[in-house]
Amino acid sequence: MSIFFQNKFFKSSPQEILDAFLSVISTFKFTDVIDVVILTYVIYLLLKLIRETRAGQLVKGIMLLVAGYFISIALELKVVSYLLEKTLSMGVLAMIVLFQPELRRALEKAGRTKFGIRLFGLGQDNDEMKQRWNPAIEAICDSCVELSATFTGALIVVERQVRLGEQIETGTILNATPSKEVFGNIFYPKTPLHDGAVIMRDGIILAAACFLPKPAKDALINKKLGSRHRAAIGMSENSDAIVIVVSEETGQISVALNGNLTRDYTRDKLKALLEEQLFKDKTEISIGKKKLFSSRSERRKKK
């Protein structure tokens, strides 16, 4: 690799470099343009993914190594260039290991897209979803209002497409029907299950006292936010879950979704958000039926 750059690049005249560039341009095809556009878009997505995360600092370090490699070749520092060459030759494996959390989030996001859901037939019928979640939504909203009034801290995770098995294993399985009395008992201070998150699946309280992952941008989060809010942001970054937080200090109701935290929720506002997020686009997915997508006319008739 170093011999190639030394002989072909650094010792080439400007005219030879220009001729080589024109030779490449002359053989350029339309498929090559598509290839470059796709590669550019992938690089853009990768840069967007690692921006303002710990991976961003790692990328800077890798770029520094690459720059040092080219400089060592130009200055004919044989030992330094040899060591850097061997280091960079393991770059692909190192990238996979170092960026494992970011790659995992990227693949999970790809699986959560509408295309991924339709392709693999994920999801439930809209009527079935409403039947399971409508009573649960009412219980969540009533509980959050009551917990807010008594300044009782709470952390409720509403699971959607991404399964939260890893987090569920850290808690206690309940399989309980949601109600404000059940939520009140769980989050009552000094009880065994109050310290942690409740995870809900298919309209029931599946587990309590669950531990949630830390946010990737922990250092950039407002210092005034407590551990519950940080855990909520971390969970929403690692999944498509809706995470509801009731502040123990202020009684404020907040919601974390897709890594963003919004605050000052009332009962009506929280109910509207849950219904929108849980039931949106479900009319496009019909599992076990011949049609995957309902037409506009069919939707009008149902209304």
C-alpha atoms as a PDB file:
ATOM      1  CA  MET A   1       0.000   0.000   0.000  1.00  0.00           C
ATOM      2  CA  SER A   2       2.736   2.444   0.981  1.00  0.00           C
ATOM      3  CA  ILE A   3       4.833   1.449  -2.042  1.00  0.00           C
ATOM      4  CA  PHE A   4       1.867   2.170  -4.306  1.00  0.00           C
ATOM      5  CA  PHE A   5       1.405   5.695  -2.968  1.00  0.00           C
ATOM      6  CA  GLN A   6       5.113   6.424  -3.018  1.00  0.00           C
ATOM      7  CA  ASN A   7       5.613   5.279  -6.616  1.00  0.00           C
ATOM      8  CA  LYS A   8       2.279   6.143  -8.205  1.00  0.00           C
ATOM      9  CA  PHE A   9       1.116   9.244  -6.417  1.00  0.00           C
ATOM     10  CA  PHE A  10       3.809  11.174  -4.603  1.00  0.00           C
ATOM     11  CA  LYS A  11       6.397  10.694  -7.385  1.00  0.00           C
ATOM     12  CA  SER A  12       3.994  11.426 -10.261  1.00  0.00           C
ATOM     13  CA  SER A  13       4.176  14.687 -12.152  1.00  0.00           C
ATOM     14  CA  PRO A  14       1.171  17.046 -12.220  1.00  0.00           C
ATOM     15  CA  GLN A  15       0.600  16.186 -15.897  1.00  0.00           C
ATOM     16  CA  GLU A  16       0.512  12.452 -15.125  1.00  0.00           C
ATOM     17  CA  ILE A  17      -1.989  13.022 -12.328  1.00  0.00           C
ATOM     18  CA  LEU A  18      -4.171  15.131 -14.642  1.00  0.00           C
ATOM     19  CA  ASP A  19      -4.004  12.489 -17.408  1.00  0.00           C
ATOM     20  CA  ALA A  20      -4.999   9.791 -14.930  1.00  0.00           C
ATOM     21  CA  PHE A  21      -7.939  11.906 -13.720  1.00  0.00           C
ATOM     22  CA  LEU A  22      -9.148  12.568 -17.305  1.00  0.00           C
ATOM     23  CA  SER A  23      -8.823   8.868 -18.086  1.00  0.00           C
ATOM     24  CA  VAL A  24     -11.143   8.028 -15.206  1.00  0.00           C
ATOM     25  CA  ILE A  25     -13.645  10.722 -16.252  1.00  0.00           C
ATOM     26  CA  SER A  26     -13.696   9.466 -19.865  1.00  0.00           C
ATOM     27  CA  THR A  27     -14.760   5.979 -18.736  1.00  0.00           C
ATOM     28  CA  PHE A  28     -17.477   7.313 -16.422  1.00  0.00           C
ATOM     29  CA  LYS A  29     -20.917   5.753 -17.019  1.00  0.00           C
ATOM     30  CA  PHE A  30     -24.413   6.531 -15.815  1.00  0.00           C
ATOM     31  CA  THR A  31     -24.256   3.561 -13.435  1.00  0.00           C
ATOM     32  CA  ASP A  32     -21.099   5.068 -11.955  1.00  0.00           C
ATOM     33  CA  VAL A  33     -23.018   8.272 -11.228  1.00  0.00           C
ATOM     34  CA  ILE A  34     -25.695   6.264  -9.399  1.00  0.00           C
ATOM     35  CA  ASP A  35     -22.941   4.446  -7.528  1.00  0.00           C
ATOM     36  CA  VAL A  36     -21.377   7.736  -6.394  1.00  0.00           C
ATOM     37  CA  VAL A  37     -24.740   9.221  -5.384  1.00  0.00           C
ATOM     38  CA  ILE A  38     -25.612   6.165  -3.270  1.00  0.00           C
ATOM     39  CA  LEU A  39     -22.182   6.161  -1.640  1.00  0.00           C
ATOM     40  CA  THR A  40     -22.450   9.890  -0.914  1.00  0.00           C
ATOM     41  CA  TYR A  41     -25.868   9.433   0.670  1.00  0.00           C
ATOM     42  CA  VAL A  42     -24.603   6.535   2.824  1.00  0.00           C
ATOM     43  CA  ILE A  43     -21.659   8.644   4.004  1.00  0.00           C
ATOM     44  CA  TYR A  44     -24.074  11.497   4.792  1.00  0.00           C
ATOM     45  CA  LEU A  45     -26.262   9.165   6.871  1.00  0.00           C
ATOM     46  CA  LEU A  46     -23.220   7.857   8.734  1.00  0.00           C
ATOM     47  CA  LEU A  47     -22.012  11.372   9.508  1.00  0.00           C
ATOM     48  CA  LYS A  48     -25.514  12.337  10.658  1.00  0.00           C
ATOM     49  CA  LEU A  49     -25.678   9.230  12.860  1.00  0.00           C
ATOM     50  CA  ILE A  50     -22.378   9.822  14.651  1.00  0.00           C
ATOM     51  CA  ARG A  51     -22.698  13.595  14.949  1.00  0.00           C
ATOM     52  CA  GLU A  52     -22.502  14.838  18.538  1.00  0.00           C
ATOM     53  CA  THR A  53     -21.876  11.345  19.906  1.00  0.00           C
ATOM     54  CA  ARG A  54     -18.811   9.608  21.252  1.00  0.00           C
ATOM     55  CA  ALA A  55     -18.393   8.035  17.822  1.00  0.00           C
ATOM     56  CA  GLY A  56     -17.774  11.498  16.413  1.00  0.00           C
ATOM     57  CA  GLN A  57     -14.622  11.789  18.498  1.00  0.00           C
ATOM     58  CA  LEU A  58     -13.478   8.364  17.300  1.00  0.00           C
ATOM     59  CA  VAL A  59     -13.918   9.423  13.683  1.00  0.00           C
ATOM     60  CA  LYS A  60     -11.722  12.453  14.326  1.00  0.00           C
ATOM     61  CA  GLY A  61      -9.051  10.154  15.736  1.00  0.00           C
ATOM     62  CA  ILE A  62      -9.224   7.874  12.684  1.00  0.00           C
ATOM     63  CA  MET A  63      -8.946  10.860  10.331  1.00  0.00           C
ATOM     64  CA  LEU A  64      -5.891  12.000  12.275  1.00  0.00           C
ATOM     65  CA  LEU A  65      -4.280   8.577  11.767  1.00  0.00           C
ATOM     66  CA  VAL A  66      -5.029   8.695   8.025  1.00  0.00           C
ATOM     67  CA  ALA A  67      -3.533  12.190   7.759  1.00  0.00           C
ATOM     68  CA  GLY A  68      -0.455  11.032   9.690  1.00  0.00           C
ATOM     69  CA  TYR A  69      -0.113   8.062   7.328  1.00  0.00           C
ATOM     70  CA  PHE A  70      -0.018  10.248   4.215  1.00  0.00           C
ATOM     71  CA  ILE A  71       2.374  12.713   5.843  1.00  0.00           C
ATOM     72  CA  SER A  72       4.735   9.890   6.876  1.00  0.00           C
ATOM     73  CA  ILE A  73       4.772   8.599   3.290  1.00  0.00           C
ATOM     74  CA  ALA A  74       5.462  12.070   1.899  1.00  0.00           C
ATOM     75  CA  LEU A  75       8.371  12.493   4.343  1.00  0.00           C
ATOM     76  CA  GLU A  76       9.532   8.906   3.717  1.00  0.00           C
ATOM     77  CA  LEU A  77       9.270   7.916   7.386  1.00  0.00           C
ATOM     78  CA  LYS A  78       9.379   4.177   6.737  1.00  0.00           C
ATOM     79  CA  VAL A  79       8.871   2.905  10.291  1.00  0.00           C
ATOM     80  CA  VAL A  80       6.018   5.303  11.101  1.00  0.00           C
ATOM     81  CA  SER A  81       4.269   4.674   7.770  1.00  0.00           C
ATOM     82  CA  TYR A  82       4.634   0.898   8.262  1.00  0.00           C
ATOM     83  CA  LEU A  83       3.067   1.014  11.731  1.00  0.00           C
ATOM     84  CA  LEU A  84       0.224   3.281  10.588  1.00  0.00           C
ATOM     85  CA  GLU A  85      -0.401   1.065   7.569  1.00  0.00           C
ATOM     86  CA  LYS A  86      -0.781  -2.014   9.779  1.00  0.00           C
ATOM     87  CA  THR A  87      -3.046  -0.075  12.132  1.00  0.00           C
ATOM     88  CA  LEU A  88      -5.320   1.128   9.322  1.00  0.00           C
ATOM     89  CA  SER A  89      -5.428  -2.347   7.718  1.00  0.00           C
ATOM     90  CA  MET A  90      -7.514  -3.467  10.695  1.00  0.00           C
ATOM     91  CA  GLY A  91      -9.812  -0.458  10.259  1.00  0.00           C
ATOM     92  CA  VAL A  92     -12.946  -2.333   9.143  1.00  0.00           C
ATOM     93  CA  LEU A  93     -12.945  -4.658  12.140  1.00  0.00           C
ATOM     94  CA  ALA A  94     -12.127  -1.786  14.460  1.00  0.00           C
ATOM     95  CA  MET A  95     -14.990   0.301  13.016  1.00  0.00           C
ATOM     96  CA  ILE A  96     -17.475  -2.514  13.672  1.00  0.00           C
ATOM     97  CA  VAL A  97     -16.286  -2.917  17.257  1.00  0.00           C
ATOM     98  CA  LEU A  98     -16.016   0.795  18.090  1.00  0.00           C
ATOM     99  CA  PHE A  99     -19.272   1.848  16.407  1.00  0.00           C
ATOM    100  CA  GLN A 100     -21.349  -1.143  17.512  1.00  0.00           C
ATOM    101  CA  PRO A 101     -23.953   0.966  19.397  1.00  0.00           C
ATOM    102  CA  GLU A 102     -24.357   3.385  16.476  1.00  0.00           C
ATOM    103  CA  LEU A 103     -24.593   0.572  13.898  1.00  0.00           C
ATOM    104  CA  ARG A 104     -27.169  -1.190  16.048  1.00  0.00           C
ATOM    105  CA  ARG A 105     -29.308   1.950  16.290  1.00  0.00           C
ATOM    106  CA  ALA A 106     -29.042   2.472  12.518  1.00  0.00           C
ATOM    107  CA  LEU A 107     -30.212  -1.084  11.770  1.00  0.00           C
ATOM    108  CA  GLU A 108     -33.036  -0.796  14.302  1.00  0.00           C
ATOM    109  CA  LYS A 109     -34.179   2.465  12.681  1.00  0.00           C
ATOM    110  CA  ALA A 110     -34.120   0.776   9.267  1.00  0.00           C
ATOM    111  CA  GLY A 111     -36.295  -2.026  10.629  1.00  0.00           C
ATOM    112  CA  ARG A 112     -38.746   0.498  12.107  1.00  0.00           C
ATOM    113  CA  THR A 113     -39.376   2.267   8.814  1.00  0.00           C
ATOM    114  CA  LYS A 114     -42.692   1.780   7.044  1.00  0.00           C
ATOM    115  CA  PHE A 115     -40.924  -0.257   4.349  1.00  0.00           C
ATOM    116  CA  GLY A 116     -39.470  -2.643   6.926  1.00  0.00           C
ATOM    117  CA  ILE A 117     -42.812  -3.034   8.688  1.00  0.00           C
ATOM    118  CA  ARG A 118     -44.662  -3.751   5.432  1.00  0.00           C
ATOM    119  CA  LEU A 119     -41.950  -6.033   4.057  1.00  0.00           C
ATOM    120  CA  PHE A 120     -41.927  -8.388   7.029  1.00  0.00           C
ATOM    121  CA  GLY A 121     -45.586  -8.041   7.951  1.00  0.00           C
ATOM    122  CA  LEU A 122     -45.023  -6.562  11.381  1.00  0.00           C
ATOM    123  CA  GLY A 123     -47.749  -4.845  13.338  1.00  0.00           C
ATOM    124  CA  GLN A 124     -51.327  -5.513  14.348  1.00  0.00           C
ATOM    125  CA  ASP A 125     -54.757  -4.720  12.987  1.00  0.00           C
ATOM    126  CA  ASN A 126     -55.857  -1.202  13.906  1.00  0.00           C
ATOM    127  CA  ASP A 127     -59.095  -2.313  15.575  1.00  0.00           C
ATOM    128  CA  GLU A 128     -57.200  -4.872  17.659  1.00  0.00           C
ATOM    129  CA  MET A 129     -54.669  -2.222  18.665  1.00  0.00           C
ATOM    130  CA  LYS A 130     -57.407   0.158  19.792  1.00  0.00           C
ATOM    131  CA  GLN A 131     -59.206  -2.569  21.727  1.00  0.00           C
ATOM    132  CA  ARG A 132     -56.039  -3.373  23.661  1.00  0.00           C
ATOM    133  CA  TRP A 133     -54.652   0.116  24.138  1.00  0.00           C
ATOM    134  CA  ASN A 134     -57.667   2.402  24.671  1.00  0.00           C
ATOM    135  CA  PRO A 135     -58.274   1.273  28.300  1.00  0.00           C
ATOM    136  CA  ALA A 136     -54.508   1.339  28.917  1.00  0.00           C
ATOM    137  CA  ILE A 137     -54.208   4.898  27.564  1.00  0.00           C
ATOM    138  CA  GLU A 138     -56.974   6.066  29.892  1.00  0.00           C
ATOM    139  CA  ALA A 139     -55.218   4.393  32.840  1.00  0.00           C
ATOM    140  CA  ILE A 140     -51.851   5.915  31.929  1.00  0.00           C
ATOM    141  CA  CYS A 141     -53.299   9.427  31.623  1.00  0.00           C
ATOM    142  CA  ASP A 142     -55.297   9.188  34.877  1.00  0.00           C
ATOM    143  CA  SER A 143     -52.254   7.818  36.703  1.00  0.00           C
ATOM    144  CA  CYS A 144     -49.868  10.477  35.397  1.00  0.00           C
ATOM    145  CA  VAL A 145     -52.236  13.279  36.458  1.00  0.00           C
ATOM    146  CA  GLU A 146     -52.619  11.787  39.932  1.00  0.00           C
ATOM    147  CA  LEU A 147     -48.889  11.114  40.328  1.00  0.00           C
ATOM    148  CA  SER A 148     -48.142  14.644  39.119  1.00  0.00           C
ATOM    149  CA  ALA A 149     -50.487  16.138  41.713  1.00  0.00           C
ATOM    150  CA  THR A 150     -48.728  14.266  44.539  1.00  0.00           C
ATOM    151  CA  PHE A 151     -45.203  14.903  43.153  1.00  0.00           C
ATOM    152  CA  THR A 152     -44.565  11.163  42.830  1.00  0.00           C
ATOM    153  CA  GLY A 153     -41.847  10.268  40.341  1.00  0.00           C
ATOM    154  CA  ALA A 154     -42.771   7.793  37.605  1.00  0.00           C
ATOM    155  CA  LEU A 155     -41.259   6.298  34.450  1.00  0.00           C
ATOM    156  CA  ILE A 156     -43.554   4.463  32.018  1.00  0.00           C
ATOM    157  CA  VAL A 157     -42.310   2.869  28.777  1.00  0.00           C
ATOM    158  CA  VAL A 158     -44.863   2.066  26.076  1.00  0.00           C
ATOM    159  CA  GLU A 159     -43.382  -0.582  23.787  1.00  0.00           C
ATOM    160  CA  ARG A 160     -44.160  -0.449  20.062  1.00  0.00           C
ATOM    161  CA  GLN A 161     -42.440  -2.285  17.181  1.00  0.00           C
ATOM    162  CA  VAL A 162     -39.020  -2.718  18.816  1.00  0.00           C
ATOM    163  CA  ARG A 163     -39.123  -5.401  21.514  1.00  0.00           C
ATOM    164  CA  LEU A 164     -37.547  -4.455  24.830  1.00  0.00           C
ATOM    165  CA  GLY A 165     -36.604  -7.903  26.054  1.00  0.00           C
ATOM    166  CA  GLU A 166     -33.204  -6.786  27.365  1.00  0.00           C
ATOM    167  CA  GLN A 167     -34.781  -4.148  29.592  1.00  0.00           C
ATOM    168  CA  ILE A 168     -37.645  -6.415  30.685  1.00  0.00           C
ATOM    169  CA  GLU A 169     -35.158  -9.013  31.936  1.00  0.00           C
ATOM    170  CA  THR A 170     -33.717  -6.459  34.385  1.00  0.00           C
ATOM    171  CA  GLY A 171     -37.085  -5.958  36.100  1.00  0.00           C
ATOM    172  CA  THR A 172     -39.895  -7.936  37.714  1.00  0.00           C
ATOM    173  CA  ILE A 173     -42.570  -9.532  35.515  1.00  0.00           C
ATOM    174  CA  LEU A 174     -46.096  -8.480  36.518  1.00  0.00           C
ATOM    175  CA  ASN A 175     -48.498  -9.070  33.589  1.00  0.00           C
ATOM    176  CA  ALA A 176     -50.971  -6.727  35.309  1.00  0.00           C
ATOM    177  CA  THR A 177     -53.978  -4.883  33.936  1.00  0.00           C
ATOM    178  CA  PRO A 178     -53.161  -1.152  34.040  1.00  0.00           C
ATOM    179  CA  SER A 179     -55.093   1.130  36.377  1.00  0.00           C
ATOM    180  CA  LYS A 180     -54.263   4.229  38.381  1.00  0.00           C
ATOM    181  CA  GLU A 181     -54.344   2.118  41.559  1.00  0.00           C
ATOM    182  CA  VAL A 182     -51.757  -0.310  40.166  1.00  0.00           C
ATOM    183  CA  PHE A 183     -49.502   2.507  38.947  1.00  0.00           C
ATOM    184  CA  GLY A 184     -49.912   4.249  42.295  1.00  0.00           C
ATOM    185  CA  ASN A 185     -48.798   1.127  44.188  1.00  0.00           C
ATOM    186  CA  ILE A 186     -45.821   0.563  41.878  1.00  0.00           C
ATOM    187  CA  PHE A 187     -44.468   4.115  42.073  1.00  0.00           C
ATOM    188  CA  TYR A 188     -45.290   4.761  45.719  1.00  0.00           C
ATOM    189  CA  PRO A 189     -41.995   5.821  47.365  1.00  0.00           C
ATOM    190  CA  LYS A 190     -39.995   3.203  49.281  1.00  0.00           C
ATOM    191  CA  THR A 191     -41.854   0.256  47.752  1.00  0.00           C
ATOM    192  CA  PRO A 192     -39.703  -2.502  46.158  1.00  0.00           C
ATOM    193  CA  LEU A 193     -40.741  -1.649  42.564  1.00  0.00           C
ATOM    194  CA  HIS A 194     -40.806   2.166  42.627  1.00  0.00           C
ATOM    195  CA  ASP A 195     -37.156   2.611  41.580  1.00  0.00           C
ATOM    196  CA  GLY A 196     -37.096   1.863  37.869  1.00  0.00           C
ATOM    197  CA  ALA A 197     -39.339   1.889  34.831  1.00  0.00           C
ATOM    198  CA  VAL A 198     -42.634   0.196  34.055  1.00  0.00           C
ATOM    199  CA  ILE A 199     -42.686  -1.413  30.601  1.00  0.00           C
ATOM    200  CA  MET A 200     -46.031  -1.912  28.875  1.00  0.00           C
ATOM    201  CA  ARG A 201     -46.675  -4.298  25.995  1.00  0.00           C
ATOM    202  CA  ASP A 202     -49.976  -4.891  24.174  1.00  0.00           C
ATOM    203  CA  GLY A 203     -51.888  -2.759  26.659  1.00  0.00           C
ATOM    204  CA  ILE A 204     -50.740  -4.500  29.851  1.00  0.00           C
ATOM    205  CA  ILE A 205     -48.073  -3.770  32.465  1.00  0.00           C
ATOM    206  CA  LEU A 206     -45.515  -6.416  31.550  1.00  0.00           C
ATOM    207  CA  ALA A 207     -42.711  -5.555  33.982  1.00  0.00           C
ATOM    208  CA  ALA A 208     -41.687  -3.034  36.633  1.00  0.00           C
ATOM    209  CA  ALA A 209     -38.427  -1.853  38.223  1.00  0.00           C
ATOM    210  CA  CYS A 210     -36.659  -2.122  34.863  1.00  0.00           C
ATOM    211  CA  PHE A 211     -33.346  -0.418  34.138  1.00  0.00           C
ATOM    212  CA  LEU A 212     -33.078   1.674  30.967  1.00  0.00           C
ATOM    213  CA  PRO A 213     -29.981   2.492  28.850  1.00  0.00           C
ATOM    214  CA  LYS A 214     -28.101   5.772  29.175  1.00  0.00           C
ATOM    215  CA  PRO A 215     -28.471   8.358  26.398  1.00  0.00           C
ATOM    216  CA  ALA A 216     -25.723   8.531  23.761  1.00  0.00           C
ATOM    217  CA  LYS A 217     -25.508  12.331  24.143  1.00  0.00           C
ATOM    218  CA  ASP A 218     -25.471  12.275  27.941  1.00  0.00           C
ATOM    219  CA  ALA A 219     -22.870  15.049  28.193  1.00  0.00           C
ATOM    220  CA  LEU A 220     -25.001  17.373  26.045  1.00  0.00           C
ATOM    221  CA  ILE A 221     -28.238  16.946  28.025  1.00  0.00           C
ATOM    222  CA  ASN A 222     -29.385  19.763  30.275  1.00  0.00           C
ATOM    223  CA  LYS A 223     -27.799  19.325  33.705  1.00  0.00           C
ATOM    224  CA  LYS A 224     -31.109  20.181  35.364  1.00  0.00           C
ATOM    225  CA  LEU A 225     -32.680  16.946  34.104  1.00  0.00           C
ATOM    226  CA  GLY A 226     -32.630  14.086  36.604  1.00  0.00           C
ATOM    227  CA  SER A 227     -31.921  10.386  36.174  1.00  0.00           C
ATOM    228  CA  ARG A 228     -35.502   9.542  35.125  1.00  0.00           C
ATOM    229  CA  HIS A 229     -35.477  12.042  32.267  1.00  0.00           C
ATOM    230  CA  ARG A 230     -32.039  10.885  31.130  1.00  0.00           C
ATOM    231  CA  ALA A 231     -33.129   7.255  31.190  1.00  0.00           C
ATOM    232  CA  ALA A 232     -36.243   8.192  29.191  1.00  0.00           C
ATOM    233  CA  ILE A 233     -34.149   9.897  26.514  1.00  0.00           C
ATOM    234  CA  GLY A 234     -31.766   6.929  26.381  1.00  0.00           C
ATOM    235  CA  MET A 235     -34.616   4.466  25.943  1.00  0.00           C
ATOM    236  CA  SER A 236     -36.203   6.539  23.182  1.00  0.00           C
ATOM    237  CA  GLU A 237     -32.834   6.723  21.387  1.00  0.00           C
ATOM    238  CA  ASN A 238     -32.438   2.937  21.436  1.00  0.00           C
ATOM    239  CA  SER A 239     -35.996   2.082  20.406  1.00  0.00           C
ATOM    240  CA  ASP A 240     -39.256   3.483  19.042  1.00  0.00           C
ATOM    241  CA  ALA A 241     -40.852   3.338  22.501  1.00  0.00           C
ATOM    242  CA  ILE A 242     -42.901   6.187  23.966  1.00  0.00           C
ATOM    243  CA  VAL A 243     -41.437   7.004  27.380  1.00  0.00           C
ATOM    244  CA  ILE A 244     -43.499   9.025  29.867  1.00  0.00           C
ATOM    245  CA  VAL A 245     -41.846  10.731  32.842  1.00  0.00           C
ATOM    246  CA  VAL A 246     -43.437  12.331  35.900  1.00  0.00           C
ATOM    247  CA  SER A 247     -40.992  14.572  37.748  1.00  0.00           C
ATOM    248  CA  GLU A 248     -40.637  14.015  41.471  1.00  0.00           C
ATOM    249  CA  GLU A 249     -39.411  17.595  41.998  1.00  0.00           C
ATOM    250  CA  THR A 250     -41.897  19.587  39.886  1.00  0.00           C
ATOM    251  CA  GLY A 251     -44.700  17.130  39.111  1.00  0.00           C
ATOM    252  CA  GLN A 252     -44.251  17.971  35.439  1.00  0.00           C
ATOM    253  CA  ILE A 253     -45.271  15.343  32.857  1.00  0.00           C
ATOM    254  CA  SER A 254     -42.788  14.842  30.007  1.00  0.00           C
ATOM    255  CA  VAL A 255     -42.538  12.470  27.035  1.00  0.00           C
ATOM    256  CA  ALA A 256     -39.384  11.161  25.328  1.00  0.00           C
ATOM    257  CA  LEU A 257     -39.738  10.077  21.713  1.00  0.00           C
ATOM    258  CA  ASN A 258     -37.002   9.405  19.149  1.00  0.00           C
ATOM    259  CA  GLY A 259     -34.357  10.880  21.426  1.00  0.00           C
ATOM    260  CA  ASN A 260     -36.265  14.139  22.021  1.00  0.00           C
ATOM    261  CA  LEU A 261     -37.876  15.199  25.293  1.00  0.00           C
ATOM    262  CA  THR A 262     -40.999  17.380  25.315  1.00  0.00           C
ATOM    263  CA  ARG A 263     -42.508  18.727  28.530  1.00  0.00           C
ATOM    264  CA  ASP A 264     -45.609  20.320  30.118  1.00  0.00           C
ATOM    265  CA  TYR A 265     -48.165  17.669  29.145  1.00  0.00           C
ATOM    266  CA  THR A 266     -51.751  17.846  30.317  1.00  0.00           C
ATOM    267  CA  ARG A 267     -54.050  14.823  30.417  1.00  0.00           C
ATOM    268  CA  ASP A 268     -55.671  15.665  27.078  1.00  0.00           C
ATOM    269  CA  LYS A 269     -52.355  16.428  25.411  1.00  0.00           C
ATOM    270  CA  LEU A 270     -50.828  13.170  26.648  1.00  0.00           C
ATOM    271  CA  LYS A 271     -53.834  11.136  25.517  1.00  0.00           C
ATOM    272  CA  ALA A 272     -53.741  12.722  22.060  1.00  0.00           C
ATOM    273  CA  LEU A 273     -50.044  11.948  21.705  1.00  0.00           C
ATOM    274  CA  LEU A 274     -50.427   8.302  22.748  1.00  0.00           C
ATOM    275  CA  GLU A 275     -53.341   7.744  20.377  1.00  0.00           C
ATOM    276  CA  GLU A 276     -51.509   9.414  17.502  1.00  0.00           C
ATOM    277  CA  GLN A 277     -48.287   7.441  18.002  1.00  0.00           C
ATOM    278  CA  LEU A 278     -49.883   4.060  18.719  1.00  0.00           C
ATOM    279  CA  PHE A 279     -52.572   4.097  16.055  1.00  0.00           C
ATOM    280  CA  LYS A 280     -50.953   6.101  13.236  1.00  0.00           C
ATOM    281  CA  ASP A 281     -50.469   4.369   9.872  1.00  0.00           C
ATOM    282  CA  LYS A 282     -52.108   1.206  11.175  1.00  0.00           C
ATOM    283  CA  THR A 283     -54.760   1.449   8.457  1.00  0.00           C
ATOM    284  CA  GLU A 284     -51.973   0.715   5.965  1.00  0.00           C
ATOM    285  CA  ILE A 285     -51.040  -2.609   7.614  1.00  0.00           C
ATOM    286  CA  SER A 286     -53.473  -5.496   7.603  1.00  0.00           C
ATOM    287  CA  ILE A 287     -51.869  -8.725   8.755  1.00  0.00           C
ATOM    288  CA  GLY A 288     -53.221 -11.974   7.355  1.00  0.00           C
ATOM    289  CA  LYS A 289     -55.316 -10.239   4.691  1.00  0.00           C
ATOM    290  CA  LYS A 290     -54.910 -10.083   0.944  1.00  0.00           C
ATOM    291  CA  LYS A 291     -54.424  -6.324   0.870  1.00  0.00           C
ATOM    292  CA  LEU A 292     -51.579  -4.580   2.611  1.00  0.00           C
ATOM    293  CA  PHE A 293     -52.757  -1.078   1.809  1.00  0.00           C
ATOM    294  CA  SER A 294     -56.302   0.240   1.951  1.00  0.00           C
ATOM    295  CA  SER A 295     -57.356   2.736  -0.702  1.00  0.00           C
ATOM    296  CA  ARG A 296     -58.627   6.213   0.054  1.00  0.00           C
ATOM    297  CA  SER A 297     -62.154   5.288  -1.006  1.00  0.00           C
ATOM    298  CA  GLU A 298     -62.184   2.308   1.365  1.00  0.00           C
ATOM    299  CA  ARG A 299     -61.025   4.529   4.231  1.00  0.00           C
ATOM    300  CA  ARG A 300     -63.826   7.017   3.482  1.00  0.00           C
ATOM    301  CA  LYS A 301     -66.408   4.235   3.553  1.00  0.00           C
ATOM    302  CA  LYS A 302     -65.147   3.050   6.952  1.00  0.00           C
ATOM    303  CA  LYS A 303     -65.513   6.589   8.296  1.00  0.00           C
END
